[in-house]
Amino acid sequence: MLNIANWSMDIAPRCEKDKRYFSVEQANKSLVLLQRIVGEVVREYKTLMELEELIESAEQANCGDQLERARQELVSTVDNLQGCLEELDQIGVELRDFSRGIVDFPSMQDSRSVSLCWLLGEAEVSHWHERGAGFACRQHVTLLNSPEYAAGIT
């Protein structure tokens, strides 16, 4: 049986030397494009979850025609998602949450690698977190210039 709940796309990660780093200003300038792409990802991911349920129901009810249509739509949805993820990869951002639209922008701040963090629907990129930390650990970008940040205690 198909299980999409823990599904992820196979996109080859960028080499570290090819990695793009964003300033807050550069990240904010990319939002017009990102809002469209990430909005589509969130919609398509929701469709994917709905199709998983439909396929499971159709398999249990032995509804061949409905099952075939759902599988065809699933392939189309996965193709659309793959295209969106490739666009995000070309931009140089990292999609962290398919259902909410959380995006990380790699950034260098005072020779320290951090992630600028944006959530679909936010007007601007206004938060950051340590690389490897998650959305729950994000802090306002004004703290990037604080003495605590410079001392590494944020």
Protein backbone atom coordinates (compact mmCIF):
# COMPACT_ATOMS: atom_id res chain seq x y z
CA MET A 1 0.00 0.00 0.00
CA LEU A 2 1.15 3.51 -0.80
CA ASN A 3 2.10 5.59 2.24
CA ILE A 4 2.70 9.23 1.44
CA ALA A 5 2.49 10.63 4.96
CA ASN A 6 6.26 10.30 5.46
CA TRP A 7 7.09 10.83 1.83
CA SER A 8 9.83 13.16 0.70
CA MET A 9 11.19 14.21 -2.64
CA ASP A 10 14.55 13.00 -3.87
CA ILE A 11 16.33 16.14 -4.89
CA ALA A 12 20.08 15.95 -5.06
CA PRO A 13 21.41 18.33 -2.43
CA ARG A 14 23.63 21.14 -3.60
CA CYS A 15 27.32 20.79 -3.04
CA GLU A 16 28.50 22.97 -0.18
CA LYS A 17 30.71 24.93 -2.58
CA ASP A 18 27.69 25.63 -4.84
CA LYS A 19 25.51 26.70 -1.93
CA ARG A 20 24.00 30.14 -2.16
CA TYR A 21 23.88 32.31 0.93
CA PHE A 22 21.19 34.95 1.38
CA SER A 23 21.15 38.25 3.19
CA VAL A 24 17.83 39.23 4.75
CA GLU A 25 17.36 41.72 1.90
CA GLN A 26 18.03 39.09 -0.78
CA ALA A 27 15.68 36.64 0.92
CA ASN A 28 12.91 39.24 1.03
CA LYS A 29 13.40 40.07 -2.66
CA SER A 30 12.81 36.42 -3.56
CA LEU A 31 9.46 36.22 -1.76
CA VAL A 32 7.28 37.18 -4.75
CA LEU A 33 8.48 34.08 -6.57
CA LEU A 34 8.60 31.90 -3.47
CA GLN A 35 5.04 32.72 -2.45
CA ARG A 36 3.81 31.29 -5.76
CA ILE A 37 5.98 28.17 -5.65
CA VAL A 38 5.51 27.38 -1.95
CA GLY A 39 1.78 28.09 -2.20
CA GLU A 40 1.60 25.51 -4.97
CA VAL A 41 3.62 23.02 -2.90
CA VAL A 42 1.22 23.38 0.04
CA ARG A 43 -1.83 22.92 -2.23
CA GLU A 44 -0.32 19.95 -4.06
CA TYR A 45 0.80 18.31 -0.82
CA LYS A 46 -2.74 18.61 0.56
CA THR A 47 -4.01 16.99 -2.64
CA LEU A 48 -1.43 14.25 -2.22
CA MET A 49 -2.67 13.47 1.29
CA GLU A 50 -6.28 13.41 0.07
CA LEU A 51 -5.33 11.10 -2.80
CA GLU A 52 -3.63 8.71 -0.40
CA GLU A 53 -6.90 8.40 1.54
CA LEU A 54 -8.91 8.03 -1.67
CA ILE A 55 -6.60 5.32 -2.99
CA GLU A 56 -6.78 3.43 0.30
CA SER A 57 -10.60 3.61 0.27
CA ALA A 58 -10.82 2.59 -3.38
CA GLU A 59 -8.51 -0.39 -2.75
CA GLN A 60 -10.62 -1.54 0.20
CA ALA A 61 -13.88 -1.10 -1.75
CA ASN A 62 -12.35 -2.70 -4.86
CA CYS A 63 -13.38 0.28 -7.04
CA GLY A 64 -11.12 -0.20 -10.04
CA ASP A 65 -12.12 2.87 -12.07
CA GLN A 66 -11.91 5.23 -9.11
CA LEU A 67 -8.58 3.69 -8.08
CA GLU A 68 -7.10 4.14 -11.55
CA ARG A 69 -8.19 7.79 -11.76
CA ALA A 70 -6.76 8.50 -8.32
CA ARG A 71 -3.46 6.86 -9.23
CA GLN A 72 -3.21 8.92 -12.41
CA GLU A 73 -3.92 12.10 -10.45
CA LEU A 74 -1.33 11.03 -7.89
CA VAL A 75 1.34 10.73 -10.60
CA SER A 76 0.43 14.17 -11.93
CA THR A 77 0.52 15.67 -8.43
CA VAL A 78 3.92 14.13 -7.67
CA ASP A 79 5.24 15.48 -10.99
CA ASN A 80 4.00 18.97 -10.09
CA LEU A 81 5.57 18.77 -6.64
CA GLN A 82 8.85 17.57 -8.12
CA GLY A 83 8.87 20.56 -10.48
CA CYS A 84 8.26 22.94 -7.57
CA LEU A 85 11.06 21.39 -5.54
CA GLU A 86 13.43 21.68 -8.46
CA GLU A 87 12.56 25.39 -8.74
CA LEU A 88 13.21 25.85 -5.02
CA ASP A 89 16.52 24.05 -5.36
CA GLN A 90 17.52 26.32 -8.24
CA ILE A 91 16.72 29.37 -6.12
CA GLY A 92 18.86 27.89 -3.34
CA VAL A 93 16.32 27.60 -0.53
CA GLU A 94 15.35 24.59 1.57
CA LEU A 95 11.70 23.60 1.99
CA ARG A 96 11.28 22.36 5.56
CA ASP A 97 7.55 21.68 5.78
CA PHE A 98 5.31 20.69 2.88
CA SER A 99 2.04 21.24 4.70
CA ARG A 100 2.79 24.65 6.26
CA GLY A 101 5.22 26.08 3.73
CA ILE A 102 8.26 26.63 5.92
CA VAL A 103 11.37 27.67 3.98
CA ASP A 104 14.95 28.13 5.18
CA PHE A 105 17.41 30.43 3.42
CA PRO A 106 21.05 29.52 4.05
CA SER A 107 22.83 32.60 5.38
CA MET A 108 26.26 33.57 6.67
CA GLN A 109 26.27 36.00 9.58
CA ASP A 110 29.67 37.00 10.94
CA SER A 111 31.24 33.81 9.50
CA ARG A 112 28.51 31.74 11.17
CA SER A 113 26.16 29.59 9.12
CA VAL A 114 22.51 30.17 10.09
CA SER A 115 19.13 29.79 8.42
CA LEU A 116 16.83 32.69 7.69
CA CYS A 117 13.33 31.30 8.19
CA TRP A 118 10.06 32.15 6.44
CA LEU A 119 6.55 30.74 6.71
CA LEU A 120 4.09 30.99 3.81
CA GLY A 121 1.80 33.92 4.53
CA GLU A 122 4.39 36.02 6.34
CA ALA A 123 4.97 39.41 4.71
CA GLU A 124 8.75 39.22 5.01
CA VAL A 125 11.67 37.11 6.13
CA SER A 126 11.95 38.30 9.71
CA HIS A 127 13.29 35.29 11.62
CA TRP A 128 16.32 33.05 11.76
CA HIS A 129 17.56 29.98 13.62
CA GLU A 130 20.76 28.01 13.95
CA ARG A 131 21.48 25.53 11.15
CA GLY A 132 19.94 22.22 12.13
CA ALA A 133 17.51 23.82 14.56
CA GLY A 134 13.85 23.97 13.68
CA PHE A 135 11.04 26.43 13.31
CA ALA A 136 10.33 26.39 17.06
CA CYS A 137 13.81 27.81 17.75
CA ARG A 138 13.54 30.78 15.44
CA GLN A 139 14.33 34.28 16.62
CA HIS A 140 13.76 37.73 15.17
CA VAL A 141 16.44 38.90 12.72
CA THR A 142 17.18 41.95 14.86
CA LEU A 143 18.90 39.53 17.25
CA LEU A 144 21.47 38.75 14.55
CA ASN A 145 23.12 42.10 15.35
CA SER A 146 22.89 41.71 19.12
CA PRO A 147 25.88 41.28 21.46
CA GLU A 148 24.44 37.90 22.51
CA TYR A 149 24.56 36.69 18.91
CA ALA A 150 28.13 37.91 18.49
CA ALA A 151 29.05 36.00 21.65
CA GLY A 152 27.26 32.88 20.39
CA ILE A 153 24.73 32.71 23.23
CA THR A 154 21.45 33.23 21.38
